[in-house]
Protein backbone atom coordinates (compact mmCIF):
# COMPACT_ATOMS: atom_id res chain seq x y z
CA MET A 1 -82.06 234.94 -28.53
CA ASN A 2 -82.41 232.90 -31.55
CA GLN A 3 -85.68 231.75 -32.91
CA ASN A 4 -85.52 228.46 -31.20
CA GLU A 5 -85.39 229.83 -27.73
CA ILE A 6 -88.33 229.49 -25.38
CA ASP A 7 -89.09 230.72 -21.91
CA HIS A 8 -88.97 228.66 -18.81
CA ASN A 9 -92.65 227.64 -19.24
CA GLY A 10 -91.97 226.20 -22.59
CA ASN A 11 -93.63 229.07 -24.54
CA PHE A 12 -92.04 230.82 -27.36
CA LEU A 13 -90.88 234.26 -26.65
CA GLU A 14 -93.24 236.95 -27.79
CA GLY A 15 -92.58 238.22 -31.19
CA GLU A 16 -90.79 235.23 -32.23
CA GLU A 17 -92.05 232.71 -34.73
CA PRO A 18 -92.05 229.16 -33.63
CA ALA A 19 -89.55 227.01 -35.29
CA ALA A 20 -90.16 223.43 -36.35
CA PRO A 21 -90.30 220.98 -33.37
CA ARG A 22 -87.15 219.31 -32.39
CA PRO A 23 -87.26 215.51 -32.69
CA LYS A 24 -86.88 213.56 -29.41
CA PRO A 25 -83.83 211.41 -29.16
CA LEU A 26 -84.39 207.65 -29.44
CA ARG A 27 -83.92 205.41 -26.35
CA LYS A 28 -80.73 203.55 -26.57
CA LEU A 29 -81.47 200.05 -27.70
CA VAL A 30 -79.66 197.02 -26.44
CA ARG A 31 -78.75 194.48 -28.92
CA ILE A 32 -79.70 190.94 -28.11
CA ASP A 33 -77.08 188.44 -28.37
CA LYS A 34 -78.68 185.52 -30.10
CA SER A 35 -75.65 183.48 -29.67
CA GLN A 36 -76.64 182.70 -26.01
CA PRO A 37 -78.67 179.49 -25.64
CA ALA A 38 -82.03 179.36 -23.65
CA GLY A 39 -81.56 179.03 -19.88
CA GLY A 40 -78.05 180.35 -20.13
CA SER A 41 -76.39 182.62 -17.72
CA ALA A 42 -77.60 185.74 -19.36
CA GLN A 43 -79.54 187.93 -16.87
CA PRO A 44 -83.18 188.26 -17.84
CA GLY A 45 -85.05 191.53 -17.61
CA ARG A 46 -87.45 192.51 -14.77
CA MET A 47 -90.59 191.14 -16.57
CA THR A 48 -88.87 188.21 -18.10
CA PRO A 49 -90.12 184.88 -16.65
CA PRO A 50 -87.65 182.77 -14.77
CA SER A 51 -86.21 179.71 -16.18
CA GLN A 52 -89.27 177.66 -14.81
CA GLU A 53 -92.93 178.49 -15.45
CA TYR A 54 -94.55 180.67 -12.76
CA HIS A 55 -98.33 181.22 -12.55
CA GLY A 56 -98.91 183.72 -9.82
CA LEU A 57 -98.54 184.84 -6.23
CA HIS A 58 -100.46 181.96 -4.67
CA GLU A 59 -98.98 179.20 -6.67
CA ALA A 60 -96.50 176.83 -5.27
CA PRO A 61 -92.81 177.64 -5.51
CA PRO A 62 -90.89 175.99 -8.34
CA SER A 63 -89.97 173.12 -6.03
CA GLY A 64 -93.61 171.76 -5.93
CA GLU A 65 -97.06 172.43 -7.28
CA TYR A 66 -99.06 174.86 -5.13
CA HIS A 67 -102.76 175.57 -5.64
CA GLY A 68 -103.84 178.14 -3.10
CA LEU A 69 -103.58 179.75 0.28
CA HIS A 70 -105.94 177.33 2.03
CA GLU A 71 -104.55 174.14 0.60
CA ALA A 72 -102.43 171.81 2.57
CA PRO A 73 -98.69 172.53 2.58
CA PRO A 74 -96.80 170.66 -0.12
CA SER A 75 -94.84 168.79 2.47
CA SER A 76 -97.93 167.00 3.93
CA GLY A 77 -98.46 164.81 0.99
CA GLN A 78 -102.21 164.64 1.93
CA GLU A 79 -105.16 166.10 0.12
CA TYR A 80 -106.58 169.09 2.01
CA HIS A 81 -110.14 170.20 1.42
CA GLY A 82 -110.74 173.14 3.66
CA LYS A 83 -110.40 174.90 6.95
CA TYR A 84 -112.89 172.69 8.84
CA GLU A 85 -111.80 169.32 7.61
CA ALA A 86 -109.90 166.83 9.66
CA ALA A 87 -106.18 166.71 9.87
CA PRO A 88 -104.58 164.59 7.15
CA SER A 89 -104.09 161.76 9.59
CA ALA A 90 -107.83 160.90 9.81
CA SER A 91 -111.09 161.64 8.09
CA TYR A 92 -113.06 164.34 9.95
CA ARG A 93 -116.64 165.14 9.10
CA GLY A 94 -117.91 167.66 11.61
CA LYS A 95 -117.62 169.05 15.11
CA TYR A 96 -120.29 166.65 16.50
CA GLU A 97 -118.54 163.52 15.36
CA ALA A 98 -116.49 161.35 17.60
CA ASP A 99 -112.77 161.27 17.94
CA PRO A 100 -111.17 158.87 15.48
CA VAL A 101 -110.36 156.45 18.29
CA LEU A 102 -114.07 155.75 19.17
CA GLU A 103 -116.18 152.95 17.79
CA PRO A 104 -118.97 153.98 15.40
CA VAL A 105 -122.58 153.87 16.64
CA GLN A 106 -125.02 152.66 14.03
CA ASP A 107 -127.70 155.21 13.14
CA HIS A 108 -130.99 153.30 12.79
CA ARG A 109 -133.12 156.17 11.56
CA ALA A 110 -135.02 155.60 8.38
CA PHE A 111 -134.17 157.78 5.40
CA THR A 112 -136.43 158.68 2.54
CA SER A 113 -135.35 158.81 -1.04
CA ASP A 114 -134.75 162.56 -0.61
CA ASP A 115 -132.73 162.08 2.55
CA GLN A 116 -130.18 159.42 1.78
CA ALA A 117 -128.30 157.69 4.54
CA PRO A 118 -124.67 158.69 4.92
CA GLU A 119 -122.15 156.48 3.28
CA GLN A 120 -120.15 156.22 6.50
CA PRO A 121 -121.47 155.46 10.03
CA GLN A 122 -121.83 158.55 12.18
CA TYR A 123 -120.52 158.99 15.69
CA TYR A 124 -122.67 160.14 18.60
CA GLU A 125 -120.37 159.30 21.49
CA ASN A 126 -117.90 161.51 23.19
CA ASN A 127 -115.36 160.82 25.89
CA GLY A 128 -116.76 157.36 26.51
CA ASP A 129 -120.27 158.63 27.45
CA GLU A 130 -123.31 158.20 25.26
CA TYR A 131 -124.23 161.42 23.55
CA ASP A 132 -127.51 161.57 21.69
CA GLY A 133 -126.81 164.86 20.04
CA LYS A 134 -128.86 165.12 16.91
CA VAL A 135 -131.14 162.24 18.00
CA GLU A 136 -131.97 163.97 21.29
CA LEU A 137 -132.69 167.15 19.40
CA VAL A 138 -135.06 165.29 17.07
CA GLN A 139 -136.75 163.59 20.01
CA ALA A 140 -137.16 166.89 21.80
CA VAL A 141 -138.65 168.45 18.71
CA ASN A 142 -140.94 165.45 18.26
CA LYS A 143 -142.06 165.65 21.90
CA GLY A 144 -142.72 169.32 21.52
CA SER A 145 -144.60 168.72 18.28
CA ALA A 146 -146.70 165.94 19.85
CA LYS A 147 -147.57 168.20 22.77
CA ASP A 148 -148.54 170.99 20.42
CA VAL A 149 -150.69 168.60 18.39
CA ILE A 150 -152.47 167.33 21.53
CA ILE A 151 -153.12 170.89 22.69
CA LYS A 152 -154.47 171.86 19.29
CA ILE A 153 -156.70 168.78 19.11
CA ALA A 154 -158.02 169.45 22.63
CA ALA A 155 -158.70 173.07 21.76
CA ILE A 156 -160.51 172.09 18.57
CA ALA A 157 -162.53 169.40 20.39
CA ALA A 158 -163.50 171.85 23.14
CA SER A 159 -164.51 174.42 20.55
CA LEU A 160 -166.60 171.89 18.65
CA PHE A 161 -168.22 170.75 21.90
CA ILE A 162 -169.14 174.29 22.85
CA ILE A 163 -170.44 175.04 19.37
CA GLY A 164 -172.40 171.77 19.34
CA ALA A 165 -173.86 172.47 22.77
CA LEU A 166 -174.94 175.92 21.65
CA ILE A 167 -176.55 174.54 18.50
CA LEU A 168 -178.28 171.71 20.36
CA ASN A 169 -179.72 174.15 22.90
CA MET A 170 -180.78 176.84 20.46
CA PRO A 171 -184.61 177.12 20.17
CA ILE A 172 -184.68 176.70 16.40
CA PHE A 173 -187.38 174.01 16.18
CA VAL A 174 -191.13 174.10 16.74
CA ASP A 175 -192.87 171.66 19.09
CA ARG A 176 -195.94 170.48 17.20
CA LYS A 177 -197.81 169.96 20.47
CA THR A 178 -197.28 173.35 22.06
CA GLN A 179 -196.17 175.31 18.98
CA ASP A 180 -193.33 176.71 21.08
CA ASN A 181 -189.80 177.20 19.83
CA VAL A 182 -187.63 174.48 21.34
CA SER A 183 -184.10 173.12 21.02
CA LEU A 184 -182.93 169.87 19.50
CA ILE A 185 -182.07 168.60 23.00
CA TYR A 186 -185.67 169.21 24.04
CA LEU A 187 -186.97 167.28 21.02
CA ILE A 188 -184.67 164.33 21.73
CA LYS A 189 -185.65 164.18 25.41
CA HIS A 190 -189.34 164.36 24.53
CA TRP A 191 -189.15 162.01 21.57
CA GLN A 192 -191.83 159.30 21.63
CA PRO A 193 -190.67 156.61 19.18
CA LEU A 194 -193.20 154.01 20.46
CA ASN A 195 -196.22 156.26 20.40
CA LYS A 196 -198.11 153.95 18.04
CA GLU A 197 -201.50 154.33 19.73
CA GLY A 198 -201.68 158.07 19.02
CA GLU A 199 -201.62 161.23 21.07
CA LEU A 200 -203.87 161.70 24.07
CA SER A 201 -206.06 164.79 23.88
CA SER A 202 -205.76 167.59 26.36
CA ASN A 203 -207.34 166.83 29.69
CA THR A 204 -210.98 167.91 30.02
CA MET A 205 -211.78 166.48 33.47
CA GLU A 206 -212.05 168.57 36.59
CA LEU A 207 -208.80 168.00 38.47
CA ASN A 208 -210.05 169.58 41.72
CA VAL A 209 -206.51 170.06 43.02
CA ASP A 210 -206.23 170.39 46.78
CA THR A 211 -204.29 173.63 47.18
CA SER A 212 -203.55 172.79 50.80
CA ALA A 213 -201.62 169.71 49.60
CA VAL A 214 -200.16 171.17 46.41
CA GLU A 215 -199.12 174.81 46.57
CA ASN A 216 -198.50 176.81 43.42
CA ASP A 217 -194.72 176.56 43.75
CA TYR A 218 -194.68 172.88 44.81
CA THR A 219 -192.41 170.54 42.84
CA ASP A 220 -191.72 166.85 43.32
CA GLY A 221 -188.26 167.10 41.72
CA LEU A 222 -188.76 164.79 38.71
CA ASP A 223 -189.86 167.45 36.20
CA LEU A 224 -192.33 165.17 34.42
CA PRO A 225 -195.19 166.37 32.17
CA GLN A 226 -197.78 165.92 34.91
CA LEU A 227 -201.41 166.98 35.13
CA ILE A 228 -200.99 167.25 38.90
CA GLU A 229 -197.62 167.98 40.47
CA GLY A 230 -196.54 165.23 42.85
CA GLN A 231 -198.10 162.28 41.01
CA TYR A 232 -197.73 160.57 37.65
CA SER A 233 -200.42 158.09 36.50
CA VAL A 234 -199.93 155.53 33.73
CA LEU A 235 -202.67 153.39 32.18
CA LEU A 236 -201.45 149.84 31.40
CA LEU A 237 -203.48 147.68 29.00
CA GLY A 238 -202.66 144.07 28.12
CA PHE A 239 -204.43 142.73 25.01
CA ASP A 240 -205.42 139.13 24.38
CA GLU A 241 -203.78 137.10 21.60
CA ASP A 242 -206.31 138.46 19.08
CA VAL A 243 -205.37 142.04 20.06
CA PHE A 244 -209.05 142.89 20.47
CA ASN A 245 -210.08 142.75 24.12
CA THR A 246 -208.02 144.05 27.05
CA ASP A 247 -207.52 141.25 29.55
CA VAL A 248 -205.23 143.31 31.83
CA MET A 249 -206.25 146.83 32.91
CA TRP A 250 -204.11 148.48 35.57
CA ILE A 251 -203.61 152.07 36.65
CA LEU A 252 -200.13 152.71 38.03
CA GLN A 253 -200.08 155.90 40.05
CA PHE A 254 -196.58 156.97 41.08
CA ASP A 255 -197.00 159.10 44.20
CA ILE A 256 -193.68 160.86 43.84
CA GLY A 257 -194.26 163.29 46.66
CA HIS A 258 -194.72 160.46 49.19
CA GLY A 259 -192.40 157.87 47.62
CA LYS A 260 -195.13 155.33 46.88
CA LEU A 261 -196.73 153.41 44.05
CA ASN A 262 -200.45 152.59 44.05
CA ILE A 263 -201.80 150.10 41.52
CA LEU A 264 -205.50 149.85 40.76
CA GLN A 265 -206.84 146.71 39.05
CA ILE A 266 -209.97 147.08 36.95
CA PRO A 267 -211.82 143.77 36.36
CA ARG A 268 -212.22 142.97 32.66
CA ASP A 269 -215.94 142.21 33.28
CA CYS A 270 -216.53 145.55 34.98
CA CYS A 271 -219.83 146.84 33.56
CA LEU A 272 -219.84 150.43 32.24
CA PRO A 273 -223.01 150.65 30.10
CA ASP A 274 -222.36 154.18 28.76
CA TYR A 275 -218.86 153.57 27.30
CA THR A 276 -219.13 150.65 24.87
CA THR A 277 -221.41 149.39 22.12
CA SER A 278 -220.75 145.79 23.11
CA VAL A 279 -223.88 143.96 24.24
CA THR A 280 -222.07 142.86 27.38
CA LYS A 281 -221.05 146.43 28.29
CA LYS A 282 -217.80 145.13 29.72
CA PHE A 283 -214.80 147.36 30.29
CA ASN A 284 -212.51 145.17 28.19
CA SER A 285 -214.47 146.04 25.01
CA ILE A 286 -214.15 149.84 25.30
CA TYR A 287 -210.93 150.05 23.28
CA PHE A 288 -212.40 148.61 20.07
CA MET A 289 -216.13 149.05 20.69
CA GLY A 290 -216.25 152.40 22.40
CA ASP A 291 -217.55 155.66 20.95
CA PRO A 292 -216.24 155.67 17.34
CA THR A 293 -216.16 159.46 17.31
CA ILE A 294 -213.44 159.44 19.94
CA GLN A 295 -210.00 158.93 18.42
CA PRO A 296 -207.56 157.39 18.91
CA PRO A 297 -209.09 154.27 20.56
CA ILE A 298 -206.77 154.56 23.56
CA GLN A 299 -208.47 157.86 24.33
CA ARG A 300 -211.79 156.04 24.85
CA VAL A 301 -210.29 153.98 27.67
CA VAL A 302 -208.58 157.02 29.19
CA ASN A 303 -211.90 158.92 29.22
CA ALA A 304 -213.68 155.99 30.91
CA VAL A 305 -211.01 155.83 33.65
CA GLN A 306 -210.97 159.56 34.32
CA GLU A 307 -214.76 160.02 34.32
CA ASN A 308 -215.56 156.97 36.47
CA PHE A 309 -212.55 156.74 38.80
CA GLY A 310 -211.39 160.36 38.88
CA ILE A 311 -207.70 159.54 38.21
CA PRO A 312 -206.04 161.89 35.69
CA ILE A 313 -204.01 159.81 33.21
CA ASP A 314 -200.62 161.24 32.20
CA ALA A 315 -199.45 158.44 29.90
CA TYR A 316 -200.27 154.95 28.64
CA VAL A 317 -198.51 151.65 27.98
CA THR A 318 -200.04 148.85 25.90
CA THR A 319 -198.75 145.35 25.26
CA VAL A 320 -199.95 141.97 24.02
CA CYS A 321 -200.03 139.08 26.46
CA THR A 322 -197.89 137.01 24.11
CA ASP A 323 -195.13 139.65 24.33
CA ILE A 324 -194.83 138.90 28.04
CA VAL A 325 -193.00 135.73 26.96
CA ASP A 326 -190.09 137.68 25.51
CA MET A 327 -190.02 140.32 28.26
CA VAL A 328 -189.81 137.73 31.03
CA ASN A 329 -187.08 135.83 29.15
CA ILE A 330 -185.05 139.05 28.80
CA ILE A 331 -184.82 139.52 32.57
CA GLY A 332 -184.07 135.84 33.17
CA GLY A 333 -187.44 134.57 34.44
CA ILE A 334 -189.55 135.19 37.55
CA PRO A 335 -188.92 133.10 40.72
CA MET A 336 -192.16 131.99 42.40
CA HIS A 337 -193.62 129.37 44.74
CA LEU A 338 -196.67 127.46 43.49
CA ASP A 339 -198.82 125.48 45.93
CA ASN A 340 -200.18 123.28 43.18
CA GLU A 341 -199.47 122.69 39.54
CA ILE A 342 -201.38 124.70 36.96
CA VAL A 343 -202.67 122.96 33.85
CA TYR A 344 -203.21 125.74 31.33
CA GLU A 345 -203.78 123.19 28.57
CA ALA A 346 -203.09 119.47 28.31
CA ASP A 347 -199.54 120.05 27.11
CA LYS A 348 -198.94 123.33 28.97
CA ILE A 349 -198.33 122.53 32.62
CA ILE A 350 -196.58 124.59 35.31
CA PRO A 351 -195.20 122.33 38.08
CA SER A 352 -195.69 123.06 41.77
CA GLY A 353 -192.98 124.09 44.23
CA ASP A 354 -190.20 126.71 44.01
CA ILE A 355 -189.66 127.39 40.31
CA VAL A 356 -188.47 130.13 37.99
CA LEU A 357 -191.20 130.92 35.48
CA ASN A 358 -189.89 131.29 31.97
CA GLY A 359 -191.66 133.46 29.42
CA GLU A 360 -194.23 130.88 28.31
CA GLN A 361 -195.03 129.77 31.85
CA ALA A 362 -195.45 133.40 32.93
CA GLU A 363 -198.06 133.92 30.19
CA TRP A 364 -199.97 130.79 31.24
CA PHE A 365 -199.87 131.85 34.87
CA ILE A 366 -201.34 135.35 34.46
CA ARG A 367 -204.03 134.24 31.97
CA PHE A 368 -205.19 131.08 33.73
CA ARG A 369 -208.79 131.34 35.08
CA ARG A 370 -210.66 128.12 34.35
CA GLU A 371 -210.26 126.41 37.75
CA TRP A 372 -210.61 129.44 40.00
CA LEU A 373 -213.87 129.46 41.91
CA THR A 374 -214.28 133.21 41.33
CA GLY A 375 -213.29 133.09 37.67
CA ASP A 376 -211.78 136.38 36.51
CA ILE A 377 -211.43 137.68 40.08
CA GLY A 378 -209.34 134.61 40.89
CA ARG A 379 -207.16 135.38 37.87
CA MET A 380 -206.68 138.95 39.11
CA GLN A 381 -205.63 137.59 42.51
CA ASN A 382 -203.05 135.41 40.82
CA GLN A 383 -201.85 138.38 38.76
CA ARG A 384 -201.16 140.17 42.04
CA ARG A 385 -198.91 137.34 43.12
CA PHE A 386 -197.10 137.53 39.80
CA MET A 387 -196.80 141.32 40.18
CA ALA A 388 -195.16 140.90 43.59
CA ALA A 389 -192.72 138.29 42.27
CA ALA A 390 -191.86 140.47 39.24
CA MET A 391 -191.23 143.50 41.48
CA GLN A 392 -188.96 141.43 43.70
CA LYS A 393 -187.04 140.30 40.62
CA LEU A 394 -186.53 143.89 39.43
CA LEU A 395 -185.34 144.97 42.88
CA SER A 396 -182.88 142.08 42.97
CA ILE A 397 -181.52 143.15 39.58
CA VAL A 398 -180.91 146.65 40.91
CA LYS A 399 -179.28 145.26 44.07
CA ASP A 400 -177.13 142.54 42.48
CA GLU A 401 -176.43 143.92 39.00
CA GLY A 402 -177.07 147.64 39.33
CA ARG A 403 -179.51 150.07 37.80
CA VAL A 404 -177.54 150.22 34.57
CA LYS A 405 -178.29 146.53 34.02
CA LEU A 406 -181.99 147.12 34.68
CA TYR A 407 -182.01 149.98 32.20
CA SER A 408 -180.33 147.74 29.62
CA TYR A 409 -183.17 145.23 29.99
CA LEU A 410 -185.74 147.99 29.63
CA LYS A 411 -183.92 149.23 26.53
CA GLN A 412 -184.15 145.77 24.94
CA ILE A 413 -187.88 145.72 25.62
CA TYR A 414 -188.13 149.23 24.21
CA ASP A 415 -186.01 148.49 21.11
CA ASN A 416 -187.99 145.34 20.28
CA GLU A 417 -191.27 147.27 20.61
CA TYR A 418 -192.82 144.80 23.02
CA VAL A 419 -194.78 147.78 24.33
CA TYR A 420 -196.38 150.85 22.81
CA THR A 421 -196.32 154.00 24.90
CA ASP A 422 -196.49 157.76 24.65
CA LEU A 423 -193.80 158.01 27.34
CA SER A 424 -190.84 159.97 26.05
CA LEU A 425 -187.33 158.62 26.48
CA ASP A 426 -186.70 161.17 29.21
CA SER A 427 -189.94 160.40 31.08
CA MET A 428 -189.40 156.66 30.89
CA ALA A 429 -185.92 157.01 32.39
CA LYS A 430 -187.23 159.20 35.23
CA VAL A 431 -190.13 156.88 36.05
CA ALA A 432 -187.87 153.80 35.96
CA ASP A 433 -185.35 155.54 38.20
CA PHE A 434 -188.10 156.40 40.72
CA ALA A 435 -189.53 152.86 40.63
CA SER A 436 -186.11 151.36 41.33
CA THR A 437 -186.01 153.21 44.67
CA LEU A 438 -189.28 151.68 45.92
CA SER A 439 -189.50 148.85 48.42
CA MET A 440 -191.99 146.00 48.48
CA ASP A 441 -193.99 147.55 51.31
CA SER A 442 -194.25 150.93 49.53
CA VAL A 443 -196.29 149.44 46.65
CA THR A 444 -200.00 148.94 47.33
CA VAL A 445 -202.44 147.05 45.10
CA ASN A 446 -206.20 147.60 45.08
CA MET A 447 -209.08 146.25 43.00
CA VAL A 448 -212.23 148.18 42.10
CA PRO A 449 -214.83 147.19 44.75
CA GLY A 450 -217.89 145.32 43.50
CA GLU A 451 -219.45 141.91 43.02
CA GLY A 452 -220.61 139.56 40.32
CA ALA A 453 -224.01 140.25 38.71
CA MET A 454 -226.21 139.37 35.74
CA PHE A 455 -226.63 141.90 32.98
CA TYR A 456 -229.73 141.72 30.83
CA ALA A 457 -228.55 142.83 27.41
CA ALA A 458 -230.51 144.36 24.57
CA ASP A 459 -230.17 141.15 22.57
CA GLY A 460 -232.34 139.37 25.16
CA ASN A 461 -229.47 137.42 26.69
CA GLU A 462 -228.03 137.48 30.17
CA TYR A 463 -224.30 137.98 30.74
CA ASP A 464 -222.11 137.54 33.81
CA VAL A 465 -220.56 140.91 34.61
CA TYR A 466 -218.95 142.75 37.53
CA SER A 467 -221.08 145.42 39.15
CA VAL A 468 -219.19 148.29 40.83
CA HIS A 469 -219.97 149.26 44.41
CA LYS A 470 -220.06 153.00 44.01
CA GLN A 471 -219.51 154.32 47.54
CA ALA A 472 -216.88 151.73 48.41
CA THR A 473 -215.04 152.68 45.21
CA ILE A 474 -215.20 156.38 46.08
CA ASP A 475 -213.83 155.72 49.56
CA MET A 476 -210.98 153.60 48.19
CA LEU A 477 -210.08 156.24 45.57
CA ASN A 478 -210.03 159.04 48.12
CA LYS A 479 -207.76 157.03 50.41
CA TYR A 480 -205.15 155.88 47.90
CA TYR A 481 -205.46 157.63 44.53
CA ARG A 482 -206.25 161.29 45.21
CA PRO A 483 -203.38 162.47 47.47
CA TYR A 484 -203.30 165.92 45.84
CA GLN A 485 -206.98 166.29 44.91
CA LEU A 486 -210.08 167.23 46.84
CA PRO A 487 -212.13 164.21 47.99
CA MET A 488 -214.40 162.71 45.34
CA THR A 489 -218.17 162.78 45.84
CA PRO A 490 -220.91 160.69 44.17
CA TYR A 491 -221.49 163.64 41.86
CA ASP A 492 -217.90 163.48 40.55
CA THR A 493 -218.20 160.01 39.01
CA SER A 494 -220.14 158.34 36.19
CA ILE A 495 -220.27 154.92 37.90
CA VAL A 496 -223.52 153.01 37.31
CA GLU A 497 -224.45 150.36 39.86
CA LEU A 498 -226.36 147.30 38.62
CA ILE A 499 -226.96 146.11 42.18
CA THR A 500 -227.76 148.40 45.07
CA ASP A 501 -228.76 145.67 47.47
CA TYR A 502 -225.31 144.08 47.86
CA GLU A 503 -225.05 140.34 48.28
CA TYR A 504 -221.23 140.22 48.68
CA THR A 505 -218.81 142.83 50.04
CA GLY A 506 -215.66 140.75 50.15
CA TYR A 507 -214.04 142.82 47.39
CA ASP A 508 -214.79 146.21 48.93
CA ASP A 509 -211.37 146.28 50.56
CA THR A 510 -208.72 144.28 48.74
CA SER A 511 -205.78 146.53 49.60
CA ALA A 512 -202.47 144.71 50.04
CA THR A 513 -198.80 145.57 49.71
CA LEU A 514 -196.49 143.59 47.47
CA ASP A 515 -194.67 142.48 50.59
CA GLU A 516 -197.89 140.85 51.79
CA LEU A 517 -198.79 139.45 48.39
CA GLU A 518 -195.39 137.79 48.01
CA ASP A 519 -196.37 135.17 50.63
CA SER A 520 -200.04 134.86 49.60
CA THR A 521 -201.57 131.56 48.47
CA GLU A 522 -203.35 130.76 45.25
CA PRO A 523 -207.08 131.54 44.80
CA VAL A 524 -209.71 129.00 45.78
CA ARG A 525 -210.23 126.36 43.12
CA ASP A 526 -213.59 125.12 41.91
CA PRO A 527 -213.60 121.36 42.61
CA ASN A 528 -216.09 120.80 39.78
CA LYS A 529 -213.72 122.31 37.20
CA LYS A 530 -210.49 120.68 38.27
CA GLN A 531 -209.04 118.44 35.60
């Protein structure tokens, strides 16, 4: 083996020196014939481009330009924009649009600047039937959204109501009267915005409750701040135009347990020597001329009533006689029948017959006294007639216009402060509601029994006064004004009699219902004083 021989693996045989590598033979080259022109018949090689330019697998064949697999075929002659576009014969814009043959339906929805209206009208019809499509979807969403909003608002409102109710009923305030922790609701119900006279002091009189008539668990159902369960007594004072003397003094005792109202008239000339510094010692001077150490002044009158007549006073109402004008006008006047005309002053005349007293005429009527034979007692008799007519008017309001209308009138009187009272808003509403259920024959009016007398004052002068008949007064009080108290005795009252040898007993029993007073005649006139 010569030196150039190798084994079958290409290795030199052992012991032999490798010879210089043998050069590989060159590939046989083909000479290009440059004499052939371009595009001739010469056969190109495998990688040689054809005679026309070719750009790839997905390009169109040489016969026409081709731009991709998903483009329209060259033969269509129409522009093709994708798999989901309409056929070349018509513009197609989505699966929810109408067939090309249908008429367009104008879309009236408003578009914002960010949501521009389509350039072409959209179609919402299909097969000849109206199809709301997108609009129905929007409406359904809107209905659902509106329902959700209403539910959320209701839930929020209910939550706020519950939270508000809890706050209003939480005992987080202090009642300055009782020093108890109370809620805001309690304060509102017991608010006394017209308490301009001042607070009444705690009761110091002996109530002497009759336990056989009022048991410990007895309730009359009105839940009023009462001294004695079953009754509620209000002191009513009407001041003269100078707001000094009290010309009207009534005690209104609402007997809730028996469904009655008893009214006690106290004559302005009633003589109570121990309760006023006035030389006349008349009841009507107690407010301003009573014991100066007793405050407020209304308390002086309350003490005189409780200690002489044994009626526990729960609340008070004060007014000025001139304010009666506005109060009567608010309710539309008081219908009455007058037997004769009343000449209050030369230019202030109330005609006779069936009339409706306006505010001014009502004031003249209840204050007139000059021509009555019995003076102030005659005026009180006329005030009873007015009281009956006023009660009938209020009952007619409830019957014809409803209690709500009556309460609206009372609210106007309250808002204009024609009265001062320590009645709370809640108590006033309860008392008014009870009064509206009364009938004319369930209201009884009495006057303190007594007679006219002469009082010899410390100044050396004599004054006409009204002397109380003590035993007749006690009997009347026990019959009408102490339904839940033990009977009064002469030792339970501070009444002082000026006359013990009575000359006149005609006023010892003046009891009458409003039903009876409605048809009563005027007091007897003094022929010497008639104008």
